[in-house]
All heavy atoms as atom14 arrays in JSON, in Angstrom:
{
  "sequence": "NTVYLQMNSLKPEDTAVYYCAADRDYSRLYRG",
  "atom14_mask": [
    [1, 1, 1, 1, 1, 1, 1, 1, 0, 0, 0, 0, 0, 0],
    [1, 1, 1, 1, 1, 1, 1, 0, 0, 0, 0, 0, 0, 0],
    [1, 1, 1, 1, 1, 1, 1, 0, 0, 0, 0, 0, 0, 0],
    [1, 1, 1, 1, 1, 1, 1, 1, 1, 1, 1, 1, 0, 0],
    [1, 1, 1, 1, 1, 1, 1, 1, 0, 0, 0, 0, 0, 0],
    [1, 1, 1, 1, 1, 1, 1, 1, 1, 0, 0, 0, 0, 0],
    [1, 1, 1, 1, 1, 1, 1, 1, 0, 0, 0, 0, 0, 0],
    [1, 1, 1, 1, 1, 1, 1, 1, 0, 0, 0, 0, 0, 0],
    [1, 1, 1, 1, 1, 1, 0, 0, 0, 0, 0, 0, 0, 0],
    [1, 1, 1, 1, 1, 1, 1, 1, 0, 0, 0, 0, 0, 0],
    [1, 1, 1, 1, 1, 1, 1, 1, 1, 0, 0, 0, 0, 0],
    [1, 1, 1, 1, 1, 1, 1, 0, 0, 0, 0, 0, 0, 0],
    [1, 1, 1, 1, 1, 1, 1, 1, 1, 0, 0, 0, 0, 0],
    [1, 1, 1, 1, 1, 1, 1, 1, 0, 0, 0, 0, 0, 0],
    [1, 1, 1, 1, 1, 1, 1, 0, 0, 0, 0, 0, 0, 0],
    [1, 1, 1, 1, 1, 0, 0, 0, 0, 0, 0, 0, 0, 0],
    [1, 1, 1, 1, 1, 1, 1, 0, 0, 0, 0, 0, 0, 0],
    [1, 1, 1, 1, 1, 1, 1, 1, 1, 1, 1, 1, 0, 0],
    [1, 1, 1, 1, 1, 1, 1, 1, 1, 1, 1, 1, 0, 0],
    [1, 1, 1, 1, 1, 1, 0, 0, 0, 0, 0, 0, 0, 0],
    [1, 1, 1, 1, 1, 0, 0, 0, 0, 0, 0, 0, 0, 0],
    [1, 1, 1, 1, 1, 0, 0, 0, 0, 0, 0, 0, 0, 0],
    [1, 1, 1, 1, 1, 1, 1, 1, 0, 0, 0, 0, 0, 0],
    [1, 1, 1, 1, 1, 1, 1, 1, 1, 1, 1, 0, 0, 0],
    [1, 1, 1, 1, 1, 1, 1, 1, 0, 0, 0, 0, 0, 0],
    [1, 1, 1, 1, 1, 1, 1, 1, 1, 1, 1, 1, 0, 0],
    [1, 1, 1, 1, 1, 1, 0, 0, 0, 0, 0, 0, 0, 0],
    [1, 1, 1, 1, 1, 1, 1, 1, 1, 1, 1, 0, 0, 0],
    [1, 1, 1, 1, 1, 1, 1, 1, 0, 0, 0, 0, 0, 0],
    [1, 1, 1, 1, 1, 1, 1, 1, 1, 1, 1, 1, 0, 0],
    [1, 1, 1, 1, 1, 1, 1, 1, 1, 1, 1, 0, 0, 0],
    [1, 1, 1, 1, 0, 0, 0, 0, 0, 0, 0, 0, 0, 0]
  ],
  "atom14_positions": [
    [[-13.19, 0.24, -10.18], [-11.96, 1.08, -10.17], [-11.4, 1.28, -8.77], [-11.1, 2.4, -8.34], [-12.27, 2.47, -10.85], [-12.39, 2.45, -12.33], [-12.44, 1.38, -12.9], [-12.38, 3.65, -12.96], [0.0, 0.0, 0.0], [0.0, 0.0, 0.0], [0.0, 0.0, 0.0], [0.0, 0.0, 0.0], [0.0, 0.0, 0.0], [0.0, 0.0, 0.0]],
    [[-11.31, 0.2, -8.03], [-10.94, 0.28, -6.65], [-9.93, -0.82, -6.24], [-10.13, -1.99, -6.73], [-12.18, 0.19, -5.76], [-13.09, 1.21, -6.08], [-11.83, 0.34, -4.26], [0.0, 0.0, 0.0], [0.0, 0.0, 0.0], [0.0, 0.0, 0.0], [0.0, 0.0, 0.0], [0.0, 0.0, 0.0], [0.0, 0.0, 0.0], [0.0, 0.0, 0.0]],
    [[-8.98, -0.43, -5.46], [-8.08, -1.44, -4.9], [-8.21, -1.35, -3.36], [-8.52, -0.33, -2.79], [-6.61, -1.09, -5.29], [-6.12, 0.25, -4.77], [-5.62, -2.22, -4.84], [0.0, 0.0, 0.0], [0.0, 0.0, 0.0], [0.0, 0.0, 0.0], [0.0, 0.0, 0.0], [0.0, 0.0, 0.0], [0.0, 0.0, 0.0], [0.0, 0.0, 0.0]],
    [[-7.99, -2.55, -2.68], [-8.25, -2.67, -1.31], [-6.97, -3.17, -0.63], [-6.2, -3.91, -1.2], [-9.4, -3.62, -0.98], [-10.64, -3.27, -1.72], [-11.02, -3.87, -2.94], [-11.61, -2.43, -1.15], [-12.19, -3.52, -3.6], [-12.73, -2.03, -1.81], [-13.04, -2.69, -3.02], [-14.17, -2.36, -3.66], [0.0, 0.0, 0.0], [0.0, 0.0, 0.0]],
    [[-6.86, -2.87, 0.61], [-5.85, -3.52, 1.47], [-6.52, -3.94, 2.79], [-6.87, -3.1, 3.55], [-4.67, -2.56, 1.76], [-3.55, -3.11, 2.63], [-2.8, -4.2, 1.81], [-2.62, -2.05, 3.09], [0.0, 0.0, 0.0], [0.0, 0.0, 0.0], [0.0, 0.0, 0.0], [0.0, 0.0, 0.0], [0.0, 0.0, 0.0], [0.0, 0.0, 0.0]],
    [[-6.72, -5.26, 2.9], [-7.25, -5.78, 4.13], [-6.07, -6.09, 5.11], [-5.18, -6.75, 4.8], [-7.97, -7.08, 3.83], [-8.56, -7.78, 5.03], [-9.69, -7.0, 5.65], [-10.57, -6.54, 4.97], [-9.69, -6.87, 6.99], [0.0, 0.0, 0.0], [0.0, 0.0, 0.0], [0.0, 0.0, 0.0], [0.0, 0.0, 0.0], [0.0, 0.0, 0.0]],
    [[-6.19, -5.46, 6.27], [-5.12, -5.53, 7.28], [-5.72, -6.24, 8.49], [-6.59, -5.71, 9.14], [-4.51, -4.19, 7.61], [-4.03, -3.43, 6.4], [-3.09, -1.94, 6.82], [-4.5, -1.02, 7.42], [0.0, 0.0, 0.0], [0.0, 0.0, 0.0], [0.0, 0.0, 0.0], [0.0, 0.0, 0.0], [0.0, 0.0, 0.0], [0.0, 0.0, 0.0]],
    [[-5.13, -7.36, 8.83], [-5.56, -8.11, 10.06], [-4.46, -8.21, 11.01], [-3.25, -8.02, 10.69], [-6.02, -9.52, 9.63], [-7.25, -9.5, 8.68], [-8.09, -8.73, 8.8], [-7.21, -10.47, 7.78], [0.0, 0.0, 0.0], [0.0, 0.0, 0.0], [0.0, 0.0, 0.0], [0.0, 0.0, 0.0], [0.0, 0.0, 0.0], [0.0, 0.0, 0.0]],
    [[-4.79, -8.58, 12.25], [-3.8, -8.71, 13.3], [-2.84, -7.52, 13.39], [-1.63, -7.66, 13.46], [-2.96, -10.01, 13.08], [-3.82, -11.17, 13.08], [0.0, 0.0, 0.0], [0.0, 0.0, 0.0], [0.0, 0.0, 0.0], [0.0, 0.0, 0.0], [0.0, 0.0, 0.0], [0.0, 0.0, 0.0], [0.0, 0.0, 0.0], [0.0, 0.0, 0.0]],
    [[-3.42, -6.33, 13.39], [-2.61, -5.13, 13.37], [-1.79, -4.95, 14.64], [-2.2, -5.34, 15.73], [-3.58, -3.94, 13.16], [-4.09, -3.82, 11.73], [-5.26, -2.86, 11.63], [-2.97, -3.24, 10.85], [0.0, 0.0, 0.0], [0.0, 0.0, 0.0], [0.0, 0.0, 0.0], [0.0, 0.0, 0.0], [0.0, 0.0, 0.0], [0.0, 0.0, 0.0]],
    [[-0.65, -4.39, 14.43], [0.31, -4.14, 15.5], [0.6, -2.66, 15.64], [0.42, -1.91, 14.61], [1.61, -4.87, 15.24], [1.45, -6.39, 14.97], [2.82, -7.02, 14.55], [2.66, -8.45, 14.25], [3.98, -9.04, 13.77], [0.0, 0.0, 0.0], [0.0, 0.0, 0.0], [0.0, 0.0, 0.0], [0.0, 0.0, 0.0], [0.0, 0.0, 0.0]],
    [[0.95, -2.2, 16.79], [1.34, -0.78, 16.94], [2.33, -0.26, 15.86], [2.23, 0.88, 15.42], [1.91, -0.65, 18.31], [1.2, -1.75, 19.06], [1.09, -2.89, 18.11], [0.0, 0.0, 0.0], [0.0, 0.0, 0.0], [0.0, 0.0, 0.0], [0.0, 0.0, 0.0], [0.0, 0.0, 0.0], [0.0, 0.0, 0.0], [0.0, 0.0, 0.0]],
    [[3.28, -1.13, 15.49], [4.23, -0.72, 14.49], [3.65, -0.62, 13.07], [4.35, -0.13, 12.18], [5.43, -1.7, 14.46], [5.0, -3.2, 14.39], [5.02, -3.85, 15.75], [4.41, -3.27, 16.71], [5.52, -4.97, 15.82], [0.0, 0.0, 0.0], [0.0, 0.0, 0.0], [0.0, 0.0, 0.0], [0.0, 0.0, 0.0], [0.0, 0.0, 0.0]],
    [[2.39, -0.9, 12.94], [1.69, -0.69, 11.69], [1.22, 0.7, 11.55], [0.67, 1.14, 10.5], [0.53, -1.69, 11.42], [1.02, -3.09, 11.27], [2.05, -3.33, 10.57], [0.34, -3.98, 11.83], [0.0, 0.0, 0.0], [0.0, 0.0, 0.0], [0.0, 0.0, 0.0], [0.0, 0.0, 0.0], [0.0, 0.0, 0.0], [0.0, 0.0, 0.0]],
    [[1.28, 1.46, 12.6], [0.76, 2.83, 12.64], [1.56, 3.67, 11.66], [2.8, 3.73, 11.68], [0.94, 3.43, 14.03], [0.09, 2.75, 14.94], [0.56, 4.92, 14.06], [0.0, 0.0, 0.0], [0.0, 0.0, 0.0], [0.0, 0.0, 0.0], [0.0, 0.0, 0.0], [0.0, 0.0, 0.0], [0.0, 0.0, 0.0], [0.0, 0.0, 0.0]],
    [[0.84, 4.32, 10.71], [1.49, 5.13, 9.7], [0.36, 5.74, 8.82], [-0.81, 5.39, 8.91], [2.35, 4.2, 8.79], [0.0, 0.0, 0.0], [0.0, 0.0, 0.0], [0.0, 0.0, 0.0], [0.0, 0.0, 0.0], [0.0, 0.0, 0.0], [0.0, 0.0, 0.0], [0.0, 0.0, 0.0], [0.0, 0.0, 0.0], [0.0, 0.0, 0.0]],
    [[0.82, 6.68, 7.94], [-0.12, 7.14, 6.88], [0.11, 6.2, 5.74], [1.22, 5.97, 5.26], [0.24, 8.55, 6.48], [-0.61, 9.0, 5.37], [0.08, 9.55, 7.65], [0.0, 0.0, 0.0], [0.0, 0.0, 0.0], [0.0, 0.0, 0.0], [0.0, 0.0, 0.0], [0.0, 0.0, 0.0], [0.0, 0.0, 0.0], [0.0, 0.0, 0.0]],
    [[-0.99, 5.65, 5.25], [-1.0, 4.74, 4.11], [-1.34, 5.43, 2.87], [-2.35, 6.14, 2.76], [-1.92, 3.55, 4.37], [-1.42, 2.59, 5.39], [-1.27, 2.93, 6.74], [-0.93, 1.33, 5.0], [-0.7, 2.05, 7.71], [-0.41, 0.42, 5.94], [-0.26, 0.84, 7.19], [0.22, -0.1, 8.1], [0.0, 0.0, 0.0], [0.0, 0.0, 0.0]],
    [[-0.56, 5.2, 1.8], [-0.72, 5.85, 0.53], [-1.03, 4.86, -0.56], [-0.39, 3.83, -0.65], [0.47, 6.64, 0.09], [0.8, 7.82, 1.11], [1.74, 7.59, 2.07], [0.33, 9.06, 0.85], [2.07, 8.6, 2.96], [0.67, 10.11, 1.74], [1.52, 9.86, 2.77], [1.86, 10.9, 3.69], [0.0, 0.0, 0.0], [0.0, 0.0, 0.0]],
    [[-1.98, 5.2, -1.4], [-2.26, 4.39, -2.59], [-1.41, 4.86, -3.7], [-1.16, 6.08, -3.87], [-3.78, 4.51, -2.88], [-4.29, 3.6, -4.35], [0.0, 0.0, 0.0], [0.0, 0.0, 0.0], [0.0, 0.0, 0.0], [0.0, 0.0, 0.0], [0.0, 0.0, 0.0], [0.0, 0.0, 0.0], [0.0, 0.0, 0.0], [0.0, 0.0, 0.0]],
    [[-0.95, 3.98, -4.59], [-0.12, 4.32, -5.74], [-0.59, 3.58, -6.96], [-1.08, 2.44, -6.89], [1.31, 3.99, -5.41], [0.0, 0.0, 0.0], [0.0, 0.0, 0.0], [0.0, 0.0, 0.0], [0.0, 0.0, 0.0], [0.0, 0.0, 0.0], [0.0, 0.0, 0.0], [0.0, 0.0, 0.0], [0.0, 0.0, 0.0], [0.0, 0.0, 0.0]],
    [[-0.4, 4.15, -8.15], [-0.72, 3.58, -9.34], [0.38, 3.81, -10.4], [0.92, 4.92, -10.47], [-2.03, 4.11, -9.83], [0.0, 0.0, 0.0], [0.0, 0.0, 0.0], [0.0, 0.0, 0.0], [0.0, 0.0, 0.0], [0.0, 0.0, 0.0], [0.0, 0.0, 0.0], [0.0, 0.0, 0.0], [0.0, 0.0, 0.0], [0.0, 0.0, 0.0]],
    [[0.69, 2.85, -11.18], [1.65, 2.95, -12.24], [1.47, 1.83, -13.24], [0.99, 0.73, -12.93], [3.06, 2.79, -11.66], [4.15, 3.49, -12.5], [4.34, 3.03, -13.71], [4.79, 4.47, -12.04], [0.0, 0.0, 0.0], [0.0, 0.0, 0.0], [0.0, 0.0, 0.0], [0.0, 0.0, 0.0], [0.0, 0.0, 0.0], [0.0, 0.0, 0.0]],
    [[1.81, 2.18, -14.53], [1.72, 1.16, -15.54], [2.8, 0.19, -15.5], [2.79, -0.9, -16.16], [1.79, 1.88, -16.92], [0.45, 2.66, -17.21], [0.7, 3.59, -18.29], [1.57, 4.68, -18.03], [1.93, 5.62, -18.89], [1.47, 5.58, -20.16], [2.79, 6.57, -18.51], [0.0, 0.0, 0.0], [0.0, 0.0, 0.0], [0.0, 0.0, 0.0]],
    [[3.9, 0.44, -14.68], [5.02, -0.47, -14.53], [5.21, -0.78, -13.06], [5.38, 0.05, -12.22], [6.26, 0.24, -15.01], [7.51, -0.6, -14.94], [7.63, -1.63, -15.63], [8.35, -0.23, -14.1], [0.0, 0.0, 0.0], [0.0, 0.0, 0.0], [0.0, 0.0, 0.0], [0.0, 0.0, 0.0], [0.0, 0.0, 0.0], [0.0, 0.0, 0.0]],
    [[5.24, -2.09, -12.77], [5.37, -2.54, -11.4], [6.69, -2.12, -10.73], [6.76, -1.63, -9.61], [5.27, -4.05, -11.29], [5.82, -4.6, -10.03], [4.96, -4.39, -8.88], [7.09, -5.11, -9.83], [5.44, -4.82, -7.57], [7.48, -5.51, -8.58], [6.69, -5.37, -7.47], [7.14, -5.82, -6.21], [0.0, 0.0, 0.0], [0.0, 0.0, 0.0]],
    [[7.81, -2.29, -11.51], [9.08, -1.98, -10.99], [9.22, -0.5, -10.54], [9.73, -0.19, -9.5], [10.18, -2.28, -11.99], [11.49, -1.99, -11.47], [0.0, 0.0, 0.0], [0.0, 0.0, 0.0], [0.0, 0.0, 0.0], [0.0, 0.0, 0.0], [0.0, 0.0, 0.0], [0.0, 0.0, 0.0], [0.0, 0.0, 0.0], [0.0, 0.0, 0.0]],
    [[8.67, 0.4, -11.3], [8.67, 1.78, -10.98], [7.85, 2.03, -9.76], [8.19, 2.86, -8.91], [8.18, 2.59, -12.2], [8.4, 4.12, -12.06], [8.29, 4.76, -13.37], [6.97, 4.48, -14.0], [6.68, 4.7, -15.24], [7.63, 5.21, -16.08], [5.48, 4.44, -15.73], [0.0, 0.0, 0.0], [0.0, 0.0, 0.0], [0.0, 0.0, 0.0]],
    [[6.73, 1.42, -9.66], [5.84, 1.53, -8.47], [6.61, 1.06, -7.2], [6.63, 1.79, -6.17], [4.55, 0.78, -8.61], [3.54, 0.9, -7.48], [2.17, 0.77, -8.09], [3.78, -0.22, -6.47], [0.0, 0.0, 0.0], [0.0, 0.0, 0.0], [0.0, 0.0, 0.0], [0.0, 0.0, 0.0], [0.0, 0.0, 0.0], [0.0, 0.0, 0.0]],
    [[7.19, -0.11, -7.28], [7.88, -0.71, -6.12], [9.01, 0.22, -5.62], [9.23, 0.26, -4.46], [8.43, -2.04, -6.5], [9.25, -2.77, -5.44], [8.59, -3.35, -4.33], [10.6, -2.78, -5.52], [9.3, -3.96, -3.42], [11.35, -3.39, -4.52], [10.7, -3.96, -3.46], [11.45, -4.58, -2.51], [0.0, 0.0, 0.0], [0.0, 0.0, 0.0]],
    [[9.7, 0.84, -6.56], [10.75, 1.7, -6.18], [10.36, 3.0, -5.58], [11.18, 3.89, -5.27], [11.73, 1.91, -7.4], [12.38, 0.63, -7.91], [13.18, 0.9, -9.18], [13.76, -0.31, -9.67], [14.91, -0.81, -9.3], [15.62, -0.23, -8.41], [15.33, -1.93, -9.87], [0.0, 0.0, 0.0], [0.0, 0.0, 0.0], [0.0, 0.0, 0.0]],
    [[9.04, 3.23, -5.48], [8.57, 4.44, -4.94], [8.4, 5.66, -5.87], [8.35, 6.78, -5.44], [0.0, 0.0, 0.0], [0.0, 0.0, 0.0], [0.0, 0.0, 0.0], [0.0, 0.0, 0.0], [0.0, 0.0, 0.0], [0.0, 0.0, 0.0], [0.0, 0.0, 0.0], [0.0, 0.0, 0.0], [0.0, 0.0, 0.0], [0.0, 0.0, 0.0]]
  ]
}
């Protein structure tokens, strides 16, 4: 029951708060 995000070659512009999201519909998830 886990999803991962492997982040390589990180840049300063990647600095942010990262949020996990779940939805039964991809389009709705993508739209935030």
